[in-house]
Amino acid sequence: MSELPKRVYIVEEGAREGFQSEPADIPTSEKIRLIEALAETGVPEIDCASFVNPKVVPQMADVAQIAEGIRKREGVTYGCMWLNAKGFLQAVDSGLSLPALTSGSASDTFLARNNNSTPEKQIEGQRKLRALYTEHGLGSGPVYLFTAFGCNYEGDIPVAKAMQRAEDLVGVCEEAGTPPSCIYLCDTIGAADPMQVRALVEAVRTRWPDYPVALHLHDTRGLGIANAMAGLELGVSRFDASVGGLGGCPFAGNRSAAGNIATEELALLCERLGIETGIDIPALLDVAQMAEEIVNHKLPGKLFRAGMFARN
């Protein structure tokens, strides 16, 4: 337990990954209302939207309106996501924070079926993106390794295979003179267990001791918080999470499967361990209730339904 971090930085994913997994008819005003409410809870960063093809992801067709409509709170980072150069160029003038992200998949089959790409094509595309970032004055940014622990097509991903794909992505950044700000290990379909998390986190930290490890965990199979605990015990101090567990997991083979770990439950775990997050948990519980009302169906989060437990 000696490696527990003193403070954890939580990136709120509900407005992007959460809504991206919901039907496309959620009003833009409601998305903005949720983002603005989240900003009042102490979360330091909110991932607001994705710049992607609206024909493929109609839930994000209003990305420009979202970016323009947010009343921003000082001290909160309002981020976004993209998958290719076209998306990045659309994001440039959005007013949202631009993480110089580099991404790929540990599963070659997942990459082919969901991105119509191969590892070689993916790396070439990421090199072109990295050049674009430099043109626009962006420096280092995060590396995202999707399906780092497993996927529906290939099953468990061996540590050696994940490390090989991570090596390729880190290489793109290093050869450009912009080493990663962190390496995100993403449990895209909720396949991981604590032993797998420990094994891969330790492998990455051994290989790149100067690059922080971050975790993007899903609770698809109920092990999300257990996996977060495994990461915390190894000193991981950056996590993605989604208020109320908002959003399903569209890649898990079950549309009703839970998505990201619930932000308020991760914050509670940290609080119980004496780890600071800066998050007002009771305020976040109210926002989780708001999120459930907006999507008009039950969210997988438990804490906002049970409430806080009064301790002596």
C-alpha atoms as a PDB file:
ATOM      1  CA  MET A   1       0.000   0.000   0.000  1.00  0.00           C
ATOM      2  CA  SER A   2       3.062   2.268   0.264  1.00  0.00           C
ATOM      3  CA  GLU A   3       2.731   3.396  -3.363  1.00  0.00           C
ATOM      4  CA  LEU A   4      -0.713   4.929  -2.964  1.00  0.00           C
ATOM      5  CA  PRO A   5      -0.649   8.411  -4.527  1.00  0.00           C
ATOM      6  CA  LYS A   6      -1.359  11.434  -2.366  1.00  0.00           C
ATOM      7  CA  ARG A   7      -3.643  12.960  -4.992  1.00  0.00           C
ATOM      8  CA  VAL A   8      -5.531  11.562  -7.978  1.00  0.00           C
ATOM      9  CA  TYR A   9      -6.502  13.492 -11.098  1.00  0.00           C
ATOM     10  CA  ILE A  10      -9.857  12.327 -12.509  1.00  0.00           C
ATOM     11  CA  VAL A  11     -10.927  13.147 -16.054  1.00  0.00           C
ATOM     12  CA  GLU A  12     -14.726  13.202 -16.368  1.00  0.00           C
ATOM     13  CA  GLU A  13     -15.862  11.300 -19.484  1.00  0.00           C
ATOM     14  CA  GLY A  14     -19.648  11.405 -19.138  1.00  0.00           C
ATOM     15  CA  ALA A  15     -20.304  14.221 -21.597  1.00  0.00           C
ATOM     16  CA  ARG A  16     -18.257  12.588 -24.354  1.00  0.00           C
ATOM     17  CA  GLU A  17     -17.913   8.839 -23.960  1.00  0.00           C
ATOM     18  CA  GLY A  18     -21.088   8.654 -21.920  1.00  0.00           C
ATOM     19  CA  PHE A  19     -23.386  10.534 -24.297  1.00  0.00           C
ATOM     20  CA  GLN A  20     -21.612   8.984 -27.288  1.00  0.00           C
ATOM     21  CA  SER A  21     -23.012   5.621 -26.185  1.00  0.00           C
ATOM     22  CA  GLU A  22     -26.552   6.959 -25.746  1.00  0.00           C
ATOM     23  CA  PRO A  23     -29.224   7.584 -28.432  1.00  0.00           C
ATOM     24  CA  ALA A  24     -28.637  10.612 -30.655  1.00  0.00           C
ATOM     25  CA  ASP A  25     -31.722  12.569 -29.579  1.00  0.00           C
ATOM     26  CA  ILE A  26     -30.375  14.114 -26.371  1.00  0.00           C
ATOM     27  CA  PRO A  27     -30.764  17.911 -26.725  1.00  0.00           C
ATOM     28  CA  THR A  28     -27.564  19.922 -26.972  1.00  0.00           C
ATOM     29  CA  SER A  29     -28.793  22.153 -24.162  1.00  0.00           C
ATOM     30  CA  GLU A  30     -28.968  19.144 -21.829  1.00  0.00           C
ATOM     31  CA  LYS A  31     -25.428  18.093 -22.691  1.00  0.00           C
ATOM     32  CA  ILE A  32     -24.225  21.600 -21.910  1.00  0.00           C
ATOM     33  CA  ARG A  33     -26.240  21.657 -18.675  1.00  0.00           C
ATOM     34  CA  LEU A  34     -24.502  18.486 -17.527  1.00  0.00           C
ATOM     35  CA  ILE A  35     -21.038  19.803 -18.420  1.00  0.00           C
ATOM     36  CA  GLU A  36     -21.634  23.041 -16.543  1.00  0.00           C
ATOM     37  CA  ALA A  37     -22.958  21.176 -13.499  1.00  0.00           C
ATOM     38  CA  LEU A  38     -19.949  18.851 -13.503  1.00  0.00           C
ATOM     39  CA  ALA A  39     -17.629  21.851 -13.525  1.00  0.00           C
ATOM     40  CA  GLU A  40     -19.131  22.952 -10.197  1.00  0.00           C
ATOM     41  CA  THR A  41     -18.195  19.684  -8.443  1.00  0.00           C
ATOM     42  CA  GLY A  42     -14.425  20.090  -8.452  1.00  0.00           C
ATOM     43  CA  VAL A  43     -13.578  17.706 -11.285  1.00  0.00           C
ATOM     44  CA  PRO A  44     -10.447  19.211 -12.838  1.00  0.00           C
ATOM     45  CA  GLU A  45     -11.081  18.136 -16.440  1.00  0.00           C
ATOM     46  CA  ILE A  46     -14.169  17.343 -18.505  1.00  0.00           C
ATOM     47  CA  ASP A  47     -14.017  15.556 -21.843  1.00  0.00           C
ATOM     48  CA  CYS A  48     -16.849  17.357 -23.617  1.00  0.00           C
ATOM     49  CA  ALA A  49     -17.263  15.897 -27.106  1.00  0.00           C
ATOM     50  CA  SER A  50     -15.696  14.046 -30.037  1.00  0.00           C
ATOM     51  CA  PHE A  51     -14.870  15.497 -33.447  1.00  0.00           C
ATOM     52  CA  VAL A  52     -15.878  12.457 -35.485  1.00  0.00           C
ATOM     53  CA  ASN A  53     -17.950  11.665 -38.573  1.00  0.00           C
ATOM     54  CA  PRO A  54     -21.582  12.523 -37.661  1.00  0.00           C
ATOM     55  CA  LYS A  55     -22.823   9.841 -40.054  1.00  0.00           C
ATOM     56  CA  VAL A  56     -20.961   7.231 -38.036  1.00  0.00           C
ATOM     57  CA  VAL A  57     -21.451   8.815 -34.602  1.00  0.00           C
ATOM     58  CA  PRO A  58     -24.632  10.943 -34.826  1.00  0.00           C
ATOM     59  CA  GLN A  59     -24.526  11.486 -31.050  1.00  0.00           C
ATOM     60  CA  MET A  60     -21.665  13.933 -31.657  1.00  0.00           C
ATOM     61  CA  ALA A  61     -23.211  15.802 -34.597  1.00  0.00           C
ATOM     62  CA  ASP A  62     -23.672  18.852 -32.346  1.00  0.00           C
ATOM     63  CA  VAL A  63     -20.037  19.015 -31.239  1.00  0.00           C
ATOM     64  CA  ALA A  64     -19.566  22.591 -32.500  1.00  0.00           C
ATOM     65  CA  GLN A  65     -22.688  23.782 -30.679  1.00  0.00           C
ATOM     66  CA  ILE A  66     -21.532  22.104 -27.473  1.00  0.00           C
ATOM     67  CA  ALA A  67     -18.105  23.721 -27.677  1.00  0.00           C
ATOM     68  CA  GLU A  68     -19.596  27.143 -28.357  1.00  0.00           C
ATOM     69  CA  GLY A  69     -22.343  26.968 -25.747  1.00  0.00           C
ATOM     70  CA  ILE A  70     -20.392  26.008 -22.629  1.00  0.00           C
ATOM     71  CA  ARG A  71     -19.985  28.695 -19.981  1.00  0.00           C
ATOM     72  CA  LYS A  72     -16.515  27.806 -18.790  1.00  0.00           C
ATOM     73  CA  ARG A  73     -15.446  27.831 -15.182  1.00  0.00           C
ATOM     74  CA  GLU A  74     -11.952  29.045 -14.373  1.00  0.00           C
ATOM     75  CA  GLY A  75      -9.613  26.260 -13.342  1.00  0.00           C
ATOM     76  CA  VAL A  76     -11.451  23.520 -15.257  1.00  0.00           C
ATOM     77  CA  THR A  77     -10.029  22.013 -18.448  1.00  0.00           C
ATOM     78  CA  TYR A  78     -12.622  21.383 -21.173  1.00  0.00           C
ATOM     79  CA  GLY A  79     -11.224  18.739 -23.498  1.00  0.00           C
ATOM     80  CA  CYS A  80     -12.260  16.827 -26.599  1.00  0.00           C
ATOM     81  CA  MET A  81     -11.288  13.806 -28.675  1.00  0.00           C
ATOM     82  CA  TRP A  82     -10.685  12.941 -32.330  1.00  0.00           C
ATOM     83  CA  LEU A  83      -9.404   9.930 -34.232  1.00  0.00           C
ATOM     84  CA  ASN A  84      -7.823  11.427 -37.343  1.00  0.00           C
ATOM     85  CA  ALA A  85      -6.434  14.589 -38.956  1.00  0.00           C
ATOM     86  CA  LYS A  86      -9.843  15.744 -40.181  1.00  0.00           C
ATOM     87  CA  GLY A  87     -11.246  15.586 -36.664  1.00  0.00           C
ATOM     88  CA  PHE A  88      -8.259  17.410 -35.229  1.00  0.00           C
ATOM     89  CA  LEU A  89      -8.521  20.251 -37.741  1.00  0.00           C
ATOM     90  CA  GLN A  90     -12.198  20.642 -36.857  1.00  0.00           C
ATOM     91  CA  ALA A  91     -11.254  20.821 -33.171  1.00  0.00           C
ATOM     92  CA  VAL A  92      -8.571  23.477 -33.633  1.00  0.00           C
ATOM     93  CA  ASP A  93     -10.956  26.440 -33.594  1.00  0.00           C
ATOM     94  CA  SER A  94     -13.439  24.942 -31.117  1.00  0.00           C
ATOM     95  CA  GLY A  95     -12.143  26.740 -28.046  1.00  0.00           C
ATOM     96  CA  LEU A  96     -11.718  23.400 -26.284  1.00  0.00           C
ATOM     97  CA  SER A  97      -8.421  22.152 -24.918  1.00  0.00           C
ATOM     98  CA  LEU A  98      -6.436  20.175 -27.501  1.00  0.00           C
ATOM     99  CA  PRO A  99      -4.544  17.205 -26.066  1.00  0.00           C
ATOM    100  CA  ALA A 100      -1.892  16.158 -28.592  1.00  0.00           C
ATOM    101  CA  LEU A 101      -3.115  12.597 -28.391  1.00  0.00           C
ATOM    102  CA  THR A 102      -1.576   9.561 -30.076  1.00  0.00           C
ATOM    103  CA  SER A 103      -3.692   6.415 -30.169  1.00  0.00           C
ATOM    104  CA  GLY A 104      -3.757   2.810 -31.293  1.00  0.00           C
ATOM    105  CA  SER A 105      -5.074  -0.593 -30.302  1.00  0.00           C
ATOM    106  CA  ALA A 106      -3.373  -3.584 -28.722  1.00  0.00           C
ATOM    107  CA  SER A 107      -5.843  -5.766 -30.621  1.00  0.00           C
ATOM    108  CA  ASP A 108      -5.189  -5.829 -34.372  1.00  0.00           C
ATOM    109  CA  THR A 109      -8.638  -7.306 -35.027  1.00  0.00           C
ATOM    110  CA  PHE A 110     -10.355  -4.571 -33.032  1.00  0.00           C
ATOM    111  CA  LEU A 111      -8.381  -1.980 -34.988  1.00  0.00           C
ATOM    112  CA  ALA A 112      -9.466  -3.533 -38.293  1.00  0.00           C
ATOM    113  CA  ARG A 113     -13.151  -3.878 -37.400  1.00  0.00           C
ATOM    114  CA  ASN A 114     -13.660  -0.581 -35.588  1.00  0.00           C
ATOM    115  CA  ASN A 115     -11.174   1.695 -37.346  1.00  0.00           C
ATOM    116  CA  ASN A 116     -10.755  -0.063 -40.696  1.00  0.00           C
ATOM    117  CA  SER A 117      -7.011   0.060 -40.173  1.00  0.00           C
ATOM    118  CA  THR A 118      -3.922  -2.053 -39.643  1.00  0.00           C
ATOM    119  CA  PRO A 119      -1.140  -1.468 -37.103  1.00  0.00           C
ATOM    120  CA  GLU A 120       1.109  -0.159 -39.878  1.00  0.00           C
ATOM    121  CA  LYS A 121      -1.529   2.219 -41.254  1.00  0.00           C
ATOM    122  CA  GLN A 122      -2.407   3.363 -37.759  1.00  0.00           C
ATOM    123  CA  ILE A 123       1.174   4.298 -36.945  1.00  0.00           C
ATOM    124  CA  GLU A 124       1.591   6.133 -40.241  1.00  0.00           C
ATOM    125  CA  GLY A 125      -1.598   8.071 -39.542  1.00  0.00           C
ATOM    126  CA  GLN A 126      -0.383   8.927 -36.035  1.00  0.00           C
ATOM    127  CA  ARG A 127       2.907  10.239 -37.471  1.00  0.00           C
ATOM    128  CA  LYS A 128       0.955  12.567 -39.746  1.00  0.00           C
ATOM    129  CA  LEU A 129      -1.159  13.709 -36.807  1.00  0.00           C
ATOM    130  CA  ARG A 130       1.957  14.343 -34.744  1.00  0.00           C
ATOM    131  CA  ALA A 131       3.296  16.543 -37.543  1.00  0.00           C
ATOM    132  CA  LEU A 132       0.010  18.467 -37.557  1.00  0.00           C
ATOM    133  CA  TYR A 133       0.252  18.995 -33.810  1.00  0.00           C
ATOM    134  CA  THR A 134       3.713  20.472 -34.239  1.00  0.00           C
ATOM    135  CA  GLU A 135       2.441  22.778 -36.994  1.00  0.00           C
ATOM    136  CA  HIS A 136      -0.203  24.068 -34.587  1.00  0.00           C
ATOM    137  CA  GLY A 137       2.244  24.610 -31.755  1.00  0.00           C
ATOM    138  CA  LEU A 138       1.246  21.615 -29.661  1.00  0.00           C
ATOM    139  CA  GLY A 139       3.872  19.759 -27.673  1.00  0.00           C
ATOM    140  CA  SER A 140       3.692  16.505 -25.759  1.00  0.00           C
ATOM    141  CA  GLY A 141       0.403  14.737 -25.187  1.00  0.00           C
ATOM    142  CA  PRO A 142      -1.015  11.430 -23.981  1.00  0.00           C
ATOM    143  CA  VAL A 143      -0.683   8.045 -25.649  1.00  0.00           C
ATOM    144  CA  TYR A 144      -3.867   5.957 -25.606  1.00  0.00           C
ATOM    145  CA  LEU A 145      -3.558   2.193 -25.981  1.00  0.00           C
ATOM    146  CA  PHE A 146      -7.078   0.857 -26.585  1.00  0.00           C
ATOM    147  CA  THR A 147      -8.055  -2.756 -25.782  1.00  0.00           C
ATOM    148  CA  ALA A 148      -4.890  -2.961 -23.710  1.00  0.00           C
ATOM    149  CA  PHE A 149      -6.154  -5.940 -21.717  1.00  0.00           C
ATOM    150  CA  GLY A 150      -8.472  -7.768 -24.101  1.00  0.00           C
ATOM    151  CA  CYS A 151     -11.122  -7.578 -26.807  1.00  0.00           C
ATOM    152  CA  ASN A 152     -14.124  -9.581 -27.985  1.00  0.00           C
ATOM    153  CA  TYR A 153     -12.298 -10.789 -31.080  1.00  0.00           C
ATOM    154  CA  GLU A 154      -8.899 -11.851 -29.734  1.00  0.00           C
ATOM    155  CA  GLY A 155      -9.702 -12.536 -26.084  1.00  0.00           C
ATOM    156  CA  ASP A 156      -7.026 -11.682 -23.525  1.00  0.00           C
ATOM    157  CA  ILE A 157      -4.203  -9.525 -24.857  1.00  0.00           C
ATOM    158  CA  PRO A 158      -0.800 -10.789 -23.644  1.00  0.00           C
ATOM    159  CA  VAL A 159       1.390  -8.225 -21.940  1.00  0.00           C
ATOM    160  CA  ALA A 160       4.033  -8.710 -24.638  1.00  0.00           C
ATOM    161  CA  LYS A 161       1.529  -7.844 -27.388  1.00  0.00           C
ATOM    162  CA  ALA A 162       0.280  -4.755 -25.538  1.00  0.00           C
ATOM    163  CA  MET A 163       3.861  -3.641 -24.960  1.00  0.00           C
ATOM    164  CA  GLN A 164       4.695  -4.061 -28.646  1.00  0.00           C
ATOM    165  CA  ARG A 165       1.837  -1.787 -29.680  1.00  0.00           C
ATOM    166  CA  ALA A 166       2.665   0.696 -26.914  1.00  0.00           C
ATOM    167  CA  GLU A 167       6.273   0.744 -28.125  1.00  0.00           C
ATOM    168  CA  ASP A 168       5.080   1.747 -31.600  1.00  0.00           C
ATOM    169  CA  LEU A 169       2.943   4.602 -30.257  1.00  0.00           C
ATOM    170  CA  VAL A 170       5.558   5.897 -27.841  1.00  0.00           C
ATOM    171  CA  GLY A 171       8.045   5.771 -30.722  1.00  0.00           C
ATOM    172  CA  VAL A 172       5.883   8.137 -32.775  1.00  0.00           C
ATOM    173  CA  CYS A 173       6.084  10.698 -29.975  1.00  0.00           C
ATOM    174  CA  GLU A 174       9.746  10.236 -29.171  1.00  0.00           C
ATOM    175  CA  GLU A 175      10.920  10.455 -32.774  1.00  0.00           C
ATOM    176  CA  ALA A 176       9.105  13.800 -33.035  1.00  0.00           C
ATOM    177  CA  GLY A 177      10.875  15.086 -29.936  1.00  0.00           C
ATOM    178  CA  THR A 178       7.632  15.171 -27.943  1.00  0.00           C
ATOM    179  CA  PRO A 179       7.703  12.281 -25.447  1.00  0.00           C
ATOM    180  CA  PRO A 180       4.305  11.241 -24.036  1.00  0.00           C
ATOM    181  CA  SER A 181       2.844  13.224 -21.164  1.00  0.00           C
ATOM    182  CA  CYS A 182       1.395   9.902 -19.962  1.00  0.00           C
ATOM    183  CA  ILE A 183       0.535   6.440 -21.272  1.00  0.00           C
ATOM    184  CA  TYR A 184      -3.148   5.552 -20.992  1.00  0.00           C
ATOM    185  CA  LEU A 185      -3.917   1.849 -20.695  1.00  0.00           C
ATOM    186  CA  CYS A 186      -7.538   1.523 -21.782  1.00  0.00           C
ATOM    187  CA  ASP A 187      -9.771  -1.371 -20.788  1.00  0.00           C
ATOM    188  CA  THR A 188     -12.039  -0.605 -23.726  1.00  0.00           C
ATOM    189  CA  ILE A 189     -14.479  -3.488 -23.285  1.00  0.00           C
ATOM    190  CA  GLY A 190     -14.098  -4.106 -19.560  1.00  0.00           C
ATOM    191  CA  ALA A 191     -12.012  -7.257 -19.991  1.00  0.00           C
ATOM    192  CA  ALA A 192      -9.384  -6.654 -17.298  1.00  0.00           C
ATOM    193  CA  ASP A 193      -8.937  -8.051 -13.820  1.00  0.00           C
ATOM    194  CA  PRO A 194      -6.658  -6.690 -11.081  1.00  0.00           C
ATOM    195  CA  MET A 195      -3.863  -9.150 -11.849  1.00  0.00           C
ATOM    196  CA  GLN A 196      -3.816  -8.049 -15.496  1.00  0.00           C
ATOM    197  CA  VAL A 197      -3.828  -4.391 -14.484  1.00  0.00           C
ATOM    198  CA  ARG A 198      -0.882  -4.914 -12.158  1.00  0.00           C
ATOM    199  CA  ALA A 199       1.070  -6.880 -14.757  1.00  0.00           C
ATOM    200  CA  LEU A 200       0.693  -4.347 -17.550  1.00  0.00           C
ATOM    201  CA  VAL A 201       1.130  -1.252 -15.374  1.00  0.00           C
ATOM    202  CA  GLU A 202       4.327  -2.720 -13.939  1.00  0.00           C
ATOM    203  CA  ALA A 203       5.604  -3.632 -17.422  1.00  0.00           C
ATOM    204  CA  VAL A 204       4.970  -0.121 -18.751  1.00  0.00           C
ATOM    205  CA  ARG A 205       6.514   1.551 -15.704  1.00  0.00           C
ATOM    206  CA  THR A 206       9.580  -0.673 -15.966  1.00  0.00           C
ATOM    207  CA  ARG A 207      10.017   0.082 -19.665  1.00  0.00           C
ATOM    208  CA  TRP A 208       9.277   3.822 -19.417  1.00  0.00           C
ATOM    209  CA  PRO A 209       9.916   4.915 -15.823  1.00  0.00           C
ATOM    210  CA  ASP A 210       9.749   8.604 -16.773  1.00  0.00           C
ATOM    211  CA  TYR A 211       6.280   8.436 -18.362  1.00  0.00           C
ATOM    212  CA  PRO A 212       3.303   8.370 -15.967  1.00  0.00           C
ATOM    213  CA  VAL A 213       0.745   5.594 -16.436  1.00  0.00           C
ATOM    214  CA  ALA A 214      -2.965   6.454 -16.563  1.00  0.00           C
ATOM    215  CA  LEU A 215      -5.966   4.119 -16.562  1.00  0.00           C
ATOM    216  CA  HIS A 216      -9.197   4.244 -18.563  1.00  0.00           C
ATOM    217  CA  LEU A 217     -11.335   1.532 -16.982  1.00  0.00           C
ATOM    218  CA  HIS A 218     -14.751   0.112 -17.772  1.00  0.00           C
ATOM    219  CA  ASP A 219     -17.054  -1.671 -15.346  1.00  0.00           C
ATOM    220  CA  THR A 220     -18.594  -3.898 -18.016  1.00  0.00           C
ATOM    221  CA  ARG A 221     -18.033  -7.066 -16.012  1.00  0.00           C
ATOM    222  CA  GLY A 222     -18.126  -5.573 -12.528  1.00  0.00           C
ATOM    223  CA  LEU A 223     -14.386  -5.363 -11.888  1.00  0.00           C
ATOM    224  CA  GLY A 224     -13.874  -1.676 -12.633  1.00  0.00           C
ATOM    225  CA  ILE A 225     -13.339  -0.427  -9.083  1.00  0.00           C
ATOM    226  CA  ALA A 226     -11.239  -3.476  -8.197  1.00  0.00           C
ATOM    227  CA  ASN A 227      -9.053  -2.647 -11.187  1.00  0.00           C
ATOM    228  CA  ALA A 228      -8.832   0.977 -10.070  1.00  0.00           C
ATOM    229  CA  MET A 229      -7.683  -0.208  -6.655  1.00  0.00           C
ATOM    230  CA  ALA A 230      -4.973  -2.293  -8.281  1.00  0.00           C
ATOM    231  CA  GLY A 231      -3.802   0.784 -10.149  1.00  0.00           C
ATOM    232  CA  LEU A 232      -3.879   2.956  -7.031  1.00  0.00           C
ATOM    233  CA  GLU A 233      -1.758   0.427  -5.130  1.00  0.00           C
ATOM    234  CA  LEU A 234       0.887   0.838  -7.836  1.00  0.00           C
ATOM    235  CA  GLY A 235       0.781   4.614  -7.593  1.00  0.00           C
ATOM    236  CA  VAL A 236      -1.342   5.404 -10.654  1.00  0.00           C
ATOM    237  CA  SER A 237      -2.663   8.926 -10.141  1.00  0.00           C
ATOM    238  CA  ARG A 238      -4.648   9.676 -13.313  1.00  0.00           C
ATOM    239  CA  PHE A 239      -7.943   7.982 -14.215  1.00  0.00           C
ATOM    240  CA  ASP A 240     -10.863   8.476 -16.583  1.00  0.00           C
ATOM    241  CA  ALA A 241     -14.368   7.983 -15.186  1.00  0.00           C
ATOM    242  CA  SER A 242     -17.979   8.845 -15.998  1.00  0.00           C
ATOM    243  CA  VAL A 243     -20.581  10.383 -13.697  1.00  0.00           C
ATOM    244  CA  GLY A 244     -23.130   7.772 -12.658  1.00  0.00           C
ATOM    245  CA  GLY A 245     -21.394   5.303 -14.959  1.00  0.00           C
ATOM    246  CA  LEU A 246     -23.115   7.198 -17.787  1.00  0.00           C
ATOM    247  CA  GLY A 247     -22.908   5.478 -21.145  1.00  0.00           C
ATOM    248  CA  GLY A 248     -22.825   1.865 -22.203  1.00  0.00           C
ATOM    249  CA  CYS A 249     -19.981  -0.049 -23.737  1.00  0.00           C
ATOM    250  CA  PRO A 250     -20.759  -0.318 -27.482  1.00  0.00           C
ATOM    251  CA  PHE A 251     -17.791  -2.609 -28.149  1.00  0.00           C
ATOM    252  CA  ALA A 252     -18.579  -5.135 -25.423  1.00  0.00           C
ATOM    253  CA  GLY A 253     -21.087  -7.124 -27.454  1.00  0.00           C
ATOM    254  CA  ASN A 254     -23.940  -6.105 -25.160  1.00  0.00           C
ATOM    255  CA  ARG A 255     -25.567  -2.686 -25.634  1.00  0.00           C
ATOM    256  CA  SER A 256     -26.814  -2.681 -22.047  1.00  0.00           C
ATOM    257  CA  ALA A 257     -23.360  -3.302 -20.568  1.00  0.00           C
ATOM    258  CA  ALA A 258     -21.973  -0.726 -18.154  1.00  0.00           C
ATOM    259  CA  GLY A 259     -19.454   1.763 -19.437  1.00  0.00           C
ATOM    260  CA  ASN A 260     -16.744   3.652 -17.564  1.00  0.00           C
ATOM    261  CA  ILE A 261     -16.338   3.333 -13.825  1.00  0.00           C
ATOM    262  CA  ALA A 262     -18.519   5.862 -12.010  1.00  0.00           C
ATOM    263  CA  THR A 263     -16.662   9.059 -11.141  1.00  0.00           C
ATOM    264  CA  GLU A 264     -18.302   9.446  -7.739  1.00  0.00           C
ATOM    265  CA  GLU A 265     -17.432   5.861  -6.775  1.00  0.00           C
ATOM    266  CA  LEU A 266     -13.788   6.304  -7.745  1.00  0.00           C
ATOM    267  CA  ALA A 267     -13.740   9.572  -5.774  1.00  0.00           C
ATOM    268  CA  LEU A 268     -15.246   7.784  -2.755  1.00  0.00           C
ATOM    269  CA  LEU A 269     -12.631   5.029  -2.959  1.00  0.00           C
ATOM    270  CA  CYS A 270      -9.916   7.662  -2.993  1.00  0.00           C
ATOM    271  CA  GLU A 271     -11.481   9.494  -0.049  1.00  0.00           C
ATOM    272  CA  ARG A 272     -11.648   6.298   2.012  1.00  0.00           C
ATOM    273  CA  LEU A 273      -7.961   5.685   1.241  1.00  0.00           C
ATOM    274  CA  GLY A 274      -6.986   9.203   2.255  1.00  0.00           C
ATOM    275  CA  ILE A 275      -6.223  10.261  -1.324  1.00  0.00           C
ATOM    276  CA  GLU A 276      -7.181  13.779  -2.372  1.00  0.00           C
ATOM    277  CA  THR A 277      -9.214  14.400  -5.549  1.00  0.00           C
ATOM    278  CA  GLY A 278     -10.590  17.896  -4.988  1.00  0.00           C
ATOM    279  CA  ILE A 279     -14.070  16.578  -5.816  1.00  0.00           C
ATOM    280  CA  ASP A 280     -17.181  17.453  -3.800  1.00  0.00           C
ATOM    281  CA  ILE A 281     -18.738  13.982  -3.724  1.00  0.00           C
ATOM    282  CA  PRO A 282     -22.235  14.984  -2.462  1.00  0.00           C
ATOM    283  CA  ALA A 283     -22.418  17.604  -5.241  1.00  0.00           C
ATOM    284  CA  LEU A 284     -21.350  14.987  -7.770  1.00  0.00           C
ATOM    285  CA  LEU A 285     -24.112  12.646  -6.562  1.00  0.00           C
ATOM    286  CA  ASP A 286     -26.642  15.330  -7.470  1.00  0.00           C
ATOM    287  CA  VAL A 287     -25.122  15.587 -10.955  1.00  0.00           C
ATOM    288  CA  ALA A 288     -25.303  11.804 -11.339  1.00  0.00           C
ATOM    289  CA  GLN A 289     -29.018  12.030 -10.596  1.00  0.00           C
ATOM    290  CA  MET A 290     -29.258  14.779 -13.222  1.00  0.00           C
ATOM    291  CA  ALA A 291     -27.486  12.576 -15.749  1.00  0.00           C
ATOM    292  CA  GLU A 292     -29.967   9.763 -15.136  1.00  0.00           C
ATOM    293  CA  GLU A 293     -32.861  12.162 -15.661  1.00  0.00           C
ATOM    294  CA  ILE A 294     -31.332  13.452 -18.906  1.00  0.00           C
ATOM    295  CA  VAL A 295     -30.921   9.997 -20.477  1.00  0.00           C
ATOM    296  CA  ASN A 296     -34.244   8.840 -19.006  1.00  0.00           C
ATOM    297  CA  HIS A 297     -33.091   5.387 -18.000  1.00  0.00           C
ATOM    298  CA  LYS A 298     -31.364   3.791 -15.025  1.00  0.00           C
ATOM    299  CA  LEU A 299     -27.615   4.340 -14.855  1.00  0.00           C
ATOM    300  CA  PRO A 300     -25.308   1.628 -13.474  1.00  0.00           C
ATOM    301  CA  GLY A 301     -23.858   3.779 -10.698  1.00  0.00           C
ATOM    302  CA  LYS A 302     -24.696   2.667  -7.150  1.00  0.00           C
ATOM    303  CA  LEU A 303     -23.426   5.412  -4.869  1.00  0.00           C
ATOM    304  CA  PHE A 304     -25.701   8.186  -6.112  1.00  0.00           C
ATOM    305  CA  ARG A 305     -28.681   5.930  -5.447  1.00  0.00           C
ATOM    306  CA  ALA A 306     -27.547   4.747  -2.005  1.00  0.00           C
ATOM    307  CA  GLY A 307     -26.149   8.074  -0.828  1.00  0.00           C
ATOM    308  CA  MET A 308     -23.152   8.752   1.373  1.00  0.00           C
ATOM    309  CA  PHE A 309     -22.646   6.715   4.544  1.00  0.00           C
ATOM    310  CA  ALA A 310     -22.324   8.780   7.710  1.00  0.00           C
ATOM    311  CA  ARG A 311     -19.166   7.665   9.506  1.00  0.00           C
ATOM    312  CA  ASN A 312     -18.180   8.301  13.114  1.00  0.00           C
END
